[in-house]
PDB file of all heavy atoms in Angstrom:
ATOM      1  N   VAL A   1       4.621   2.066  -6.628  1.00  0.00           N
ATOM      2  CA  VAL A   1       4.987   0.952  -7.494  1.00  0.00           C
ATOM      3  C   VAL A   1       6.113   0.162  -6.831  1.00  0.00           C
ATOM      4  O   VAL A   1       7.089   0.737  -6.345  1.00  0.00           O
ATOM      5  CB  VAL A   1       5.437   1.457  -8.878  1.00  0.00           C
ATOM      6  CG1 VAL A   1       5.623   0.293  -9.836  1.00  0.00           C
ATOM      7  CG2 VAL A   1       4.438   2.459  -9.450  1.00  0.00           C
ATOM      8  N   SER A   2       5.981  -1.144  -6.838  1.00  0.00           N
ATOM      9  CA  SER A   2       6.963  -1.992  -6.162  1.00  0.00           C
ATOM     10  C   SER A   2       8.372  -1.765  -6.702  1.00  0.00           C
ATOM     11  O   SER A   2       9.342  -1.775  -5.944  1.00  0.00           O
ATOM     12  CB  SER A   2       6.575  -3.466  -6.314  1.00  0.00           C
ATOM     13  OG  SER A   2       6.657  -3.883  -7.671  1.00  0.00           O
ATOM     14  N   GLY A   3       8.496  -1.554  -8.014  1.00  0.00           N
ATOM     15  CA  GLY A   3       9.810  -1.371  -8.599  1.00  0.00           C
ATOM     16  C   GLY A   3      10.514  -0.117  -8.122  1.00  0.00           C
ATOM     17  O   GLY A   3      11.744  -0.028  -8.173  1.00  0.00           O
ATOM     18  N   ASP A   4       9.747   0.865  -7.656  1.00  0.00           N
ATOM     19  CA  ASP A   4      10.340   2.110  -7.162  1.00  0.00           C
ATOM     20  C   ASP A   4      10.811   1.987  -5.723  1.00  0.00           C
ATOM     21  O   ASP A   4      11.818   2.585  -5.340  1.00  0.00           O
ATOM     22  CB  ASP A   4       9.322   3.258  -7.239  1.00  0.00           C
ATOM     23  CG  ASP A   4       9.005   3.677  -8.655  1.00  0.00           C
ATOM     24  OD1 ASP A   4       9.836   3.430  -9.552  1.00  0.00           O
ATOM     25  OD2 ASP A   4       7.923   4.265  -8.866  1.00  0.00           O
ATOM     26  N   ILE A   5      10.082   1.227  -4.909  1.00  0.00           N
ATOM     27  CA  ILE A   5      10.383   1.212  -3.474  1.00  0.00           C
ATOM     28  C   ILE A   5      10.981  -0.106  -3.002  1.00  0.00           C
ATOM     29  O   ILE A   5      11.351  -0.237  -1.838  1.00  0.00           O
ATOM     30  CB  ILE A   5       9.132   1.540  -2.633  1.00  0.00           C
ATOM     31  CG1 ILE A   5       8.049   0.474  -2.781  1.00  0.00           C
ATOM     32  CG2 ILE A   5       8.569   2.908  -3.045  1.00  0.00           C
ATOM     33  CD1 ILE A   5       6.855   0.697  -1.874  1.00  0.00           C
ATOM     34  N   GLY A   6      11.080  -1.080  -3.905  1.00  0.00           N
ATOM     35  CA  GLY A   6      11.713  -2.337  -3.539  1.00  0.00           C
ATOM     36  C   GLY A   6      10.886  -3.226  -2.633  1.00  0.00           C
ATOM     37  O   GLY A   6      11.413  -4.116  -1.967  1.00  0.00           O
ATOM     38  N   ILE A   7       9.583  -3.016  -2.596  1.00  0.00           N
ATOM     39  CA  ILE A   7       8.670  -3.809  -1.775  1.00  0.00           C
ATOM     40  C   ILE A   7       7.454  -4.136  -2.629  1.00  0.00           C
ATOM     41  O   ILE A   7       6.878  -3.240  -3.246  1.00  0.00           O
ATOM     42  CB  ILE A   7       8.218  -3.045  -0.518  1.00  0.00           C
ATOM     43  CG1 ILE A   7       9.421  -2.604   0.316  1.00  0.00           C
ATOM     44  CG2 ILE A   7       7.278  -3.903   0.325  1.00  0.00           C
ATOM     45  CD1 ILE A   7       9.063  -1.589   1.377  1.00  0.00           C
ATOM     46  N   ALA A   8       7.065  -5.399  -2.664  1.00  0.00           N
ATOM     47  CA  ALA A   8       5.957  -5.819  -3.519  1.00  0.00           C
ATOM     48  C   ALA A   8       4.784  -6.328  -2.689  1.00  0.00           C
ATOM     49  O   ALA A   8       4.962  -6.849  -1.588  1.00  0.00           O
ATOM     50  CB  ALA A   8       6.423  -6.915  -4.481  1.00  0.00           C
ATOM     51  N   LYS A   9       3.586  -6.151  -3.217  1.00  0.00           N
ATOM     52  CA  LYS A   9       2.416  -6.772  -2.615  1.00  0.00           C
ATOM     53  C   LYS A   9       2.612  -8.286  -2.593  1.00  0.00           C
ATOM     54  O   LYS A   9       3.187  -8.836  -3.559  1.00  0.00           O
ATOM     55  CB  LYS A   9       1.147  -6.432  -3.425  1.00  0.00           C
ATOM     56  CG  LYS A   9       0.795  -4.961  -3.449  1.00  0.00           C
ATOM     57  CD  LYS A   9      -0.461  -4.694  -4.259  1.00  0.00           C
ATOM     58  CE  LYS A   9      -0.273  -4.945  -5.724  1.00  0.00           C
ATOM     59  NZ  LYS A   9      -1.481  -4.601  -6.526  1.00  0.00           N
ATOM     60  N   PRO A  10       2.240  -8.964  -1.536  1.00  0.00           N
ATOM     61  CA  PRO A  10       1.361  -8.553  -0.433  1.00  0.00           C
ATOM     62  C   PRO A  10       2.073  -8.022   0.811  1.00  0.00           C
ATOM     63  O   PRO A  10       1.446  -7.964   1.872  1.00  0.00           O
ATOM     64  CB  PRO A  10       0.634  -9.857  -0.105  1.00  0.00           C
ATOM     65  CG  PRO A  10       1.669 -10.910  -0.333  1.00  0.00           C
ATOM     66  CD  PRO A  10       2.441 -10.434  -1.540  1.00  0.00           C
ATOM     67  N   ASP A  11       3.342  -7.651   0.701  1.00  0.00           N
ATOM     68  CA  ASP A  11       4.060  -7.114   1.865  1.00  0.00           C
ATOM     69  C   ASP A  11       3.284  -5.918   2.431  1.00  0.00           C
ATOM     70  O   ASP A  11       2.977  -4.973   1.701  1.00  0.00           O
ATOM     71  CB  ASP A  11       5.457  -6.673   1.435  1.00  0.00           C
ATOM     72  CG  ASP A  11       6.369  -6.372   2.614  1.00  0.00           C
ATOM     73  OD1 ASP A  11       5.943  -5.618   3.522  1.00  0.00           O
ATOM     74  OD2 ASP A  11       7.504  -6.860   2.628  1.00  0.00           O
ATOM     75  N   PRO A  12       2.964  -5.931   3.711  1.00  0.00           N
ATOM     76  CA  PRO A  12       2.185  -4.827   4.284  1.00  0.00           C
ATOM     77  C   PRO A  12       2.836  -3.462   4.099  1.00  0.00           C
ATOM     78  O   PRO A  12       2.141  -2.441   4.073  1.00  0.00           O
ATOM     79  CB  PRO A  12       2.092  -5.184   5.776  1.00  0.00           C
ATOM     80  CG  PRO A  12       2.281  -6.666   5.825  1.00  0.00           C
ATOM     81  CD  PRO A  12       3.236  -6.986   4.709  1.00  0.00           C
ATOM     82  N   ARG A  13       4.145  -3.434   3.935  1.00  0.00           N
ATOM     83  CA  ARG A  13       4.843  -2.147   3.866  1.00  0.00           C
ATOM     84  C   ARG A  13       4.480  -1.345   2.624  1.00  0.00           C
ATOM     85  O   ARG A  13       4.500  -0.107   2.664  1.00  0.00           O
ATOM     86  CB  ARG A  13       6.354  -2.359   3.940  1.00  0.00           C
ATOM     87  CG  ARG A  13       6.838  -2.871   5.294  1.00  0.00           C
ATOM     88  CD  ARG A  13       8.318  -3.180   5.257  1.00  0.00           C
ATOM     89  NE  ARG A  13       8.604  -4.300   4.352  1.00  0.00           N
ATOM     90  CZ  ARG A  13       9.838  -4.672   4.021  1.00  0.00           C
ATOM     91  NH1 ARG A  13      10.896  -4.037   4.499  1.00  0.00           N
ATOM     92  NH2 ARG A  13      10.019  -5.716   3.203  1.00  0.00           N
ATOM     93  N   ILE A  14       4.132  -2.019   1.530  1.00  0.00           N
ATOM     94  CA  ILE A  14       3.789  -1.248   0.335  1.00  0.00           C
ATOM     95  C   ILE A  14       2.435  -0.559   0.522  1.00  0.00           C
ATOM     96  O   ILE A  14       2.238   0.577   0.076  1.00  0.00           O
ATOM     97  CB  ILE A  14       3.796  -2.134  -0.933  1.00  0.00           C
ATOM     98  CG1 ILE A  14       3.720  -1.254  -2.191  1.00  0.00           C
ATOM     99  CG2 ILE A  14       2.689  -3.166  -0.911  1.00  0.00           C
ATOM    100  CD1 ILE A  14       3.964  -2.011  -3.487  1.00  0.00           C
ATOM    101  N   PHE A  15       1.518  -1.207   1.218  1.00  0.00           N
ATOM    102  CA  PHE A  15       0.223  -0.580   1.489  1.00  0.00           C
ATOM    103  C   PHE A  15       0.382   0.577   2.481  1.00  0.00           C
ATOM    104  O   PHE A  15      -0.262   1.624   2.335  1.00  0.00           O
ATOM    105  CB  PHE A  15      -0.756  -1.618   2.036  1.00  0.00           C
ATOM    106  CG  PHE A  15      -1.052  -2.730   1.079  1.00  0.00           C
ATOM    107  CD1 PHE A  15      -0.514  -3.997   1.278  1.00  0.00           C
ATOM    108  CD2 PHE A  15      -1.863  -2.534  -0.024  1.00  0.00           C
ATOM    109  CE1 PHE A  15      -0.776  -5.037   0.397  1.00  0.00           C
ATOM    110  CE2 PHE A  15      -2.142  -3.565  -0.915  1.00  0.00           C
ATOM    111  CZ  PHE A  15      -1.595  -4.819  -0.699  1.00  0.00           C
ATOM    112  N   ARG A  16       1.241   0.379   3.462  1.00  0.00           N
ATOM    113  CA  ARG A  16       1.465   1.450   4.432  1.00  0.00           C
ATOM    114  C   ARG A  16       2.192   2.622   3.783  1.00  0.00           C
ATOM    115  O   ARG A  16       1.950   3.783   4.150  1.00  0.00           O
ATOM    116  CB  ARG A  16       2.248   0.908   5.629  1.00  0.00           C
ATOM    117  CG  ARG A  16       1.413  -0.063   6.462  1.00  0.00           C
ATOM    118  CD  ARG A  16       2.215  -0.765   7.520  1.00  0.00           C
ATOM    119  NE  ARG A  16       1.408  -1.782   8.203  1.00  0.00           N
ATOM    120  CZ  ARG A  16       1.907  -2.864   8.769  1.00  0.00           C
ATOM    121  NH1 ARG A  16       3.219  -3.072   8.766  1.00  0.00           N
ATOM    122  NH2 ARG A  16       1.107  -3.736   9.359  1.00  0.00           N
ATOM    123  N   ALA A  17       3.049   2.330   2.804  1.00  0.00           N
ATOM    124  CA  ALA A  17       3.707   3.415   2.070  1.00  0.00           C
ATOM    125  C   ALA A  17       2.670   4.253   1.327  1.00  0.00           C
ATOM    126  O   ALA A  17       2.777   5.481   1.259  1.00  0.00           O
ATOM    127  CB  ALA A  17       4.731   2.852   1.092  1.00  0.00           C
ATOM    128  N   ALA A  18       1.666   3.594   0.773  1.00  0.00           N
ATOM    129  CA  ALA A  18       0.595   4.330   0.090  1.00  0.00           C
ATOM    130  C   ALA A  18      -0.151   5.214   1.076  1.00  0.00           C
ATOM    131  O   ALA A  18      -0.469   6.371   0.777  1.00  0.00           O
ATOM    132  CB  ALA A  18      -0.353   3.355  -0.588  1.00  0.00           C
ATOM    133  N   CYS A  19      -0.431   4.689   2.264  1.00  0.00           N
ATOM    134  CA  CYS A  19      -1.138   5.480   3.276  1.00  0.00           C
ATOM    135  C   CYS A  19      -0.316   6.691   3.690  1.00  0.00           C
ATOM    136  O   CYS A  19      -0.854   7.793   3.885  1.00  0.00           O
ATOM    137  CB  CYS A  19      -1.455   4.611   4.493  1.00  0.00           C
ATOM    138  SG  CYS A  19      -2.649   3.290   4.157  1.00  0.00           S
ATOM    139  N   GLU A  20       0.992   6.504   3.813  1.00  0.00           N
ATOM    140  CA  GLU A  20       1.862   7.620   4.180  1.00  0.00           C
ATOM    141  C   GLU A  20       1.832   8.702   3.114  1.00  0.00           C
ATOM    142  O   GLU A  20       1.784   9.899   3.421  1.00  0.00           O
ATOM    143  CB  GLU A  20       3.291   7.119   4.389  1.00  0.00           C
ATOM    144  CG  GLU A  20       3.457   6.274   5.651  1.00  0.00           C
ATOM    145  CD  GLU A  20       4.836   5.658   5.757  1.00  0.00           C
ATOM    146  OE1 GLU A  20       5.695   5.965   4.891  1.00  0.00           O
ATOM    147  OE2 GLU A  20       5.063   4.867   6.700  1.00  0.00           O
ATOM    148  N   ARG A  21       1.842   8.302   1.853  1.00  0.00           N
ATOM    149  CA  ARG A  21       1.802   9.292   0.777  1.00  0.00           C
ATOM    150  C   ARG A  21       0.458  10.007   0.716  1.00  0.00           C
ATOM    151  O   ARG A  21       0.381  11.162   0.282  1.00  0.00           O
ATOM    152  CB  ARG A  21       2.124   8.631  -0.558  1.00  0.00           C
ATOM    153  CG  ARG A  21       3.545   8.099  -0.624  1.00  0.00           C
ATOM    154  CD  ARG A  21       3.944   7.698  -2.016  1.00  0.00           C
ATOM    155  NE  ARG A  21       5.242   7.029  -2.025  1.00  0.00           N
ATOM    156  CZ  ARG A  21       5.863   6.596  -3.102  1.00  0.00           C
ATOM    157  NH1 ARG A  21       5.277   6.770  -4.303  1.00  0.00           N
ATOM    158  NH2 ARG A  21       7.027   6.001  -3.033  1.00  0.00           N
ATOM    159  N   LEU A  22      -0.576   9.320   1.141  1.00  0.00           N
ATOM    160  CA  LEU A  22      -1.905   9.940   1.203  1.00  0.00           C
ATOM    161  C   LEU A  22      -2.097  10.727   2.488  1.00  0.00           C
ATOM    162  O   LEU A  22      -3.113  11.420   2.641  1.00  0.00           O
ATOM    163  CB  LEU A  22      -2.982   8.859   1.094  1.00  0.00           C
ATOM    164  CG  LEU A  22      -3.077   8.135  -0.256  1.00  0.00           C
ATOM    165  CD1 LEU A  22      -3.960   6.899  -0.126  1.00  0.00           C
ATOM    166  CD2 LEU A  22      -3.603   9.057  -1.347  1.00  0.00           C
ATOM    167  N   ASP A  23      -1.143  10.592   3.416  1.00  0.00           N
ATOM    168  CA  ASP A  23      -1.204  11.256   4.723  1.00  0.00           C
ATOM    169  C   ASP A  23      -2.453  10.832   5.490  1.00  0.00           C
ATOM    170  O   ASP A  23      -3.153  11.655   6.082  1.00  0.00           O
ATOM    171  CB  ASP A  23      -1.157  12.782   4.565  1.00  0.00           C
ATOM    172  CG  ASP A  23      -0.841  13.504   5.877  1.00  0.00           C
ATOM    173  OD1 ASP A  23      -0.182  12.890   6.740  1.00  0.00           O
ATOM    174  OD2 ASP A  23      -1.237  14.668   6.032  1.00  0.00           O
ATOM    175  N   LEU A  24      -2.710   9.521   5.480  1.00  0.00           N
ATOM    176  CA  LEU A  24      -3.869   8.959   6.158  1.00  0.00           C
ATOM    177  C   LEU A  24      -3.481   7.686   6.897  1.00  0.00           C
ATOM    178  O   LEU A  24      -2.594   6.949   6.448  1.00  0.00           O
ATOM    179  CB  LEU A  24      -4.970   8.621   5.149  1.00  0.00           C
ATOM    180  CG  LEU A  24      -5.674   9.782   4.450  1.00  0.00           C
ATOM    181  CD1 LEU A  24      -6.535   9.256   3.309  1.00  0.00           C
ATOM    182  CD2 LEU A  24      -6.515  10.582   5.442  1.00  0.00           C
ATOM    183  N   PRO A  25      -4.141   7.388   8.001  1.00  0.00           N
ATOM    184  CA  PRO A  25      -3.912   6.112   8.666  1.00  0.00           C
ATOM    185  C   PRO A  25      -4.544   4.976   7.866  1.00  0.00           C
ATOM    186  O   PRO A  25      -5.532   5.192   7.139  1.00  0.00           O
ATOM    187  CB  PRO A  25      -4.600   6.290  10.019  1.00  0.00           C
ATOM    188  CG  PRO A  25      -5.659   7.307   9.768  1.00  0.00           C
ATOM    189  CD  PRO A  25      -5.111   8.237   8.728  1.00  0.00           C
ATOM    190  N   PRO A  26      -4.009   3.755   7.965  1.00  0.00           N
ATOM    191  CA  PRO A  26      -4.557   2.639   7.196  1.00  0.00           C
ATOM    192  C   PRO A  26      -6.052   2.416   7.399  1.00  0.00           C
ATOM    193  O   PRO A  26      -6.753   2.028   6.461  1.00  0.00           O
ATOM    194  CB  PRO A  26      -3.747   1.436   7.695  1.00  0.00           C
ATOM    195  CG  PRO A  26      -2.448   2.024   8.132  1.00  0.00           C
ATOM    196  CD  PRO A  26      -2.792   3.367   8.712  1.00  0.00           C
ATOM    197  N   GLY A  27      -6.567   2.660   8.595  1.00  0.00           N
ATOM    198  CA  GLY A  27      -7.976   2.428   8.872  1.00  0.00           C
ATOM    199  C   GLY A  27      -8.916   3.329   8.116  1.00  0.00           C
ATOM    200  O   GLY A  27     -10.129   3.089   8.105  1.00  0.00           O
ATOM    201  N   GLU A  28      -8.385   4.362   7.464  1.00  0.00           N
ATOM    202  CA  GLU A  28      -9.220   5.272   6.684  1.00  0.00           C
ATOM    203  C   GLU A  28      -9.068   5.047   5.179  1.00  0.00           C
ATOM    204  O   GLU A  28      -9.517   5.862   4.372  1.00  0.00           O
ATOM    205  CB  GLU A  28      -8.876   6.724   7.033  1.00  0.00           C
ATOM    206  CG  GLU A  28      -9.220   7.088   8.475  1.00  0.00           C
ATOM    207  CD  GLU A  28      -8.911   8.528   8.811  1.00  0.00           C
ATOM    208  OE1 GLU A  28      -8.333   9.241   7.960  1.00  0.00           O
ATOM    209  OE2 GLU A  28      -9.247   8.955   9.938  1.00  0.00           O
ATOM    210  N   VAL A  29      -8.437   3.931   4.820  1.00  0.00           N
ATOM    211  CA  VAL A  29      -8.126   3.673   3.411  1.00  0.00           C
ATOM    212  C   VAL A  29      -8.652   2.300   3.006  1.00  0.00           C
ATOM    213  O   VAL A  29      -8.494   1.311   3.732  1.00  0.00           O
ATOM    214  CB  VAL A  29      -6.607   3.735   3.168  1.00  0.00           C
ATOM    215  CG1 VAL A  29      -6.282   3.486   1.691  1.00  0.00           C
ATOM    216  CG2 VAL A  29      -6.048   5.084   3.608  1.00  0.00           C
ATOM    217  N   VAL A  30      -9.283   2.236   1.838  1.00  0.00           N
ATOM    218  CA  VAL A  30      -9.720   0.994   1.205  1.00  0.00           C
ATOM    219  C   VAL A  30      -8.744   0.664   0.081  1.00  0.00           C
ATOM    220  O   VAL A  30      -8.294   1.564  -0.634  1.00  0.00           O
ATOM    221  CB  VAL A  30     -11.143   1.146   0.633  1.00  0.00           C
ATOM    222  CG1 VAL A  30     -11.529  -0.060  -0.219  1.00  0.00           C
ATOM    223  CG2 VAL A  30     -12.158   1.347   1.749  1.00  0.00           C
ATOM    224  N   HIS A  31      -8.421  -0.617  -0.074  1.00  0.00           N
ATOM    225  CA  HIS A  31      -7.633  -1.040  -1.240  1.00  0.00           C
ATOM    226  C   HIS A  31      -8.423  -2.091  -2.004  1.00  0.00           C
ATOM    227  O   HIS A  31      -8.932  -3.055  -1.423  1.00  0.00           O
ATOM    228  CB  HIS A  31      -6.286  -1.637  -0.834  1.00  0.00           C
ATOM    229  CG  HIS A  31      -5.529  -2.181  -2.012  1.00  0.00           C
ATOM    230  ND1 HIS A  31      -4.827  -1.369  -2.882  1.00  0.00           N
ATOM    231  CD2 HIS A  31      -5.407  -3.445  -2.492  1.00  0.00           C
ATOM    232  CE1 HIS A  31      -4.281  -2.121  -3.839  1.00  0.00           C
ATOM    233  NE2 HIS A  31      -4.626  -3.378  -3.623  1.00  0.00           N
ATOM    234  N   VAL A  32      -8.498  -1.911  -3.325  1.00  0.00           N
ATOM    235  CA  VAL A  32      -9.257  -2.802  -4.204  1.00  0.00           C
ATOM    236  C   VAL A  32      -8.308  -3.399  -5.237  1.00  0.00           C
ATOM    237  O   VAL A  32      -7.556  -2.666  -5.890  1.00  0.00           O
ATOM    238  CB  VAL A  32     -10.379  -2.037  -4.935  1.00  0.00           C
ATOM    239  CG1 VAL A  32     -11.215  -3.001  -5.783  1.00  0.00           C
ATOM    240  CG2 VAL A  32     -11.259  -1.282  -3.948  1.00  0.00           C
ATOM    241  N   GLY A  33      -8.363  -4.723  -5.397  1.00  0.00           N
ATOM    242  CA  GLY A  33      -7.529  -5.358  -6.412  1.00  0.00           C
ATOM    243  C   GLY A  33      -8.029  -6.725  -6.789  1.00  0.00           C
ATOM    244  O   GLY A  33      -8.853  -7.327  -6.089  1.00  0.00           O
ATOM    245  N   ASP A  34      -7.518  -7.244  -7.909  1.00  0.00           N
ATOM    246  CA  ASP A  34      -8.034  -8.494  -8.457  1.00  0.00           C
ATOM    247  C   ASP A  34      -7.406  -9.734  -7.836  1.00  0.00           C
ATOM    248  O   ASP A  34      -7.890 -10.843  -8.071  1.00  0.00           O
ATOM    249  CB  ASP A  34      -7.807  -8.533  -9.974  1.00  0.00           C
ATOM    250  CG  ASP A  34      -6.332  -8.691 -10.324  1.00  0.00           C
ATOM    251  OD1 ASP A  34      -5.542  -7.782 -10.022  1.00  0.00           O
ATOM    252  OD2 ASP A  34      -5.961  -9.732 -10.897  1.00  0.00           O
ATOM    253  N   ARG A  35      -6.357  -9.584  -7.043  1.00  0.00           N
ATOM    254  CA  ARG A  35      -5.716 -10.747  -6.410  1.00  0.00           C
ATOM    255  C   ARG A  35      -6.185 -10.844  -4.957  1.00  0.00           C
ATOM    256  O   ARG A  35      -5.931  -9.919  -4.167  1.00  0.00           O
ATOM    257  CB  ARG A  35      -4.203 -10.604  -6.462  1.00  0.00           C
ATOM    258  CG  ARG A  35      -3.645 -10.497  -7.872  1.00  0.00           C
ATOM    259  CD  ARG A  35      -3.289 -11.843  -8.427  1.00  0.00           C
ATOM    260  NE  ARG A  35      -2.735 -11.758  -9.765  1.00  0.00           N
ATOM    261  CZ  ARG A  35      -1.865 -12.621 -10.259  1.00  0.00           C
ATOM    262  NH1 ARG A  35      -1.436 -13.614  -9.505  1.00  0.00           N
ATOM    263  NH2 ARG A  35      -1.434 -12.509 -11.488  1.00  0.00           N
ATOM    264  N   LEU A  36      -6.819 -11.952  -4.642  1.00  0.00           N
ATOM    265  CA  LEU A  36      -7.338 -12.121  -3.292  1.00  0.00           C
ATOM    266  C   LEU A  36      -6.225 -12.008  -2.253  1.00  0.00           C
ATOM    267  O   LEU A  36      -6.332 -11.247  -1.290  1.00  0.00           O
ATOM    268  CB  LEU A  36      -8.057 -13.471  -3.169  1.00  0.00           C
ATOM    269  CG  LEU A  36      -8.547 -13.867  -1.778  1.00  0.00           C
ATOM    270  CD1 LEU A  36      -9.507 -12.836  -1.215  1.00  0.00           C
ATOM    271  CD2 LEU A  36      -9.185 -15.254  -1.817  1.00  0.00           C
TER     272      LEU A  36
END
């Protein structure tokens, strides 16, 4: 959540933070959302 880590979408760092928590490289992760 952006409020927890101080980084909001679309900043690439929030997506990479999710990958780190999943212990996966970005290329193995899909992200789905309503904002293009």
